[in-house]
């Protein structure tokens, strides 16, 4: 079974989109993951969590 993709953008590389299924990060256990895109070119794979907010 497949569903919609998360598609969250990486905070430093906005062309990099998460290719995990929507809702994967609700338990804060599974990071975002996808192809790393830099200057329009595929540069490998990456996993990431959202950066922590500083007060």
C-alpha atoms as a PDB file:
ATOM      1  CA  UNK A   1       0.000   0.000   0.000  1.00  0.00           C
ATOM      2  CA  UNK A   2       1.285   3.466  -0.856  1.00  0.00           C
ATOM      3  CA  UNK A   3       0.166   6.895   0.196  1.00  0.00           C
ATOM      4  CA  UNK A   4       1.087  10.530  -0.246  1.00  0.00           C
ATOM      5  CA  UNK A   5       4.694  11.517   0.345  1.00  0.00           C
ATOM      6  CA  UNK A   6       5.783  13.802   3.186  1.00  0.00           C
ATOM      7  CA  UNK A   7       7.617  16.215   0.814  1.00  0.00           C
ATOM      8  CA  UNK A   8       9.059  18.293   3.684  1.00  0.00           C
ATOM      9  CA  UNK A   9      11.906  20.488   2.449  1.00  0.00           C
ATOM     10  CA  UNK A  10      15.365  20.276   3.968  1.00  0.00           C
ATOM     11  CA  UNK A  11      16.054  23.487   5.889  1.00  0.00           C
ATOM     12  CA  UNK A  12      19.467  24.099   4.211  1.00  0.00           C
ATOM     13  CA  UNK A  13      18.791  22.511   0.809  1.00  0.00           C
ATOM     14  CA  UNK A  14      15.219  23.509  -0.164  1.00  0.00           C
ATOM     15  CA  UNK A  15      15.312  21.480  -3.410  1.00  0.00           C
ATOM     16  CA  UNK A  16      15.707  18.346  -1.264  1.00  0.00           C
ATOM     17  CA  UNK A  17      12.300  16.838  -0.450  1.00  0.00           C
ATOM     18  CA  UNK A  18      11.410  14.045   1.957  1.00  0.00           C
ATOM     19  CA  UNK A  19      10.299  10.906   0.109  1.00  0.00           C
ATOM     20  CA  UNK A  20       8.931   9.103   3.196  1.00  0.00           C
ATOM     21  CA  UNK A  21       5.182   8.594   3.568  1.00  0.00           C
ATOM     22  CA  UNK A  22       3.116  11.363   5.151  1.00  0.00           C
ATOM     23  CA  UNK A  23       2.978  11.060   8.943  1.00  0.00           C
ATOM     24  CA  UNK A  24       6.255   9.145   9.304  1.00  0.00           C
ATOM     25  CA  UNK A  25       7.690  11.746  11.703  1.00  0.00           C
ATOM     26  CA  UNK A  26       4.748  11.987  14.109  1.00  0.00           C
ATOM     27  CA  UNK A  27       6.493   9.869  16.754  1.00  0.00           C
ATOM     28  CA  UNK A  28       9.755  11.850  16.366  1.00  0.00           C
ATOM     29  CA  UNK A  29      11.526   8.536  15.772  1.00  0.00           C
ATOM     30  CA  UNK A  30      11.825   8.463  11.989  1.00  0.00           C
ATOM     31  CA  UNK A  31      13.793  11.290  10.361  1.00  0.00           C
ATOM     32  CA  UNK A  32      13.005  12.806   6.995  1.00  0.00           C
ATOM     33  CA  UNK A  33      14.876  11.152   4.114  1.00  0.00           C
ATOM     34  CA  UNK A  34      15.363  11.714   0.406  1.00  0.00           C
ATOM     35  CA  UNK A  35      17.740  12.508  -2.412  1.00  0.00           C
ATOM     36  CA  UNK A  36      20.125  15.364  -1.636  1.00  0.00           C
ATOM     37  CA  UNK A  37      19.743  18.007  -4.368  1.00  0.00           C
ATOM     38  CA  UNK A  38      22.378  20.760  -4.568  1.00  0.00           C
ATOM     39  CA  UNK A  39      22.310  23.326  -7.396  1.00  0.00           C
ATOM     40  CA  UNK A  40      19.772  21.200  -9.266  1.00  0.00           C
ATOM     41  CA  UNK A  41      21.960  18.084  -9.181  1.00  0.00           C
ATOM     42  CA  UNK A  42      21.520  14.858  -7.284  1.00  0.00           C
ATOM     43  CA  UNK A  43      24.371  14.658  -4.747  1.00  0.00           C
ATOM     44  CA  UNK A  44      23.488  11.480  -2.854  1.00  0.00           C
ATOM     45  CA  UNK A  45      20.985  10.610  -0.130  1.00  0.00           C
ATOM     46  CA  UNK A  46      20.300  12.412   3.136  1.00  0.00           C
ATOM     47  CA  UNK A  47      18.328  11.956   6.335  1.00  0.00           C
ATOM     48  CA  UNK A  48      17.487  14.866   8.615  1.00  0.00           C
ATOM     49  CA  UNK A  49      15.450  16.095  11.519  1.00  0.00           C
ATOM     50  CA  UNK A  50      14.005  19.563  11.770  1.00  0.00           C
ATOM     51  CA  UNK A  51      16.448  21.965  13.438  1.00  0.00           C
ATOM     52  CA  UNK A  52      15.667  22.689  17.070  1.00  0.00           C
ATOM     53  CA  UNK A  53      14.273  26.138  17.732  1.00  0.00           C
ATOM     54  CA  UNK A  54      16.295  28.352  20.020  1.00  0.00           C
ATOM     55  CA  UNK A  55      14.427  30.675  22.394  1.00  0.00           C
END
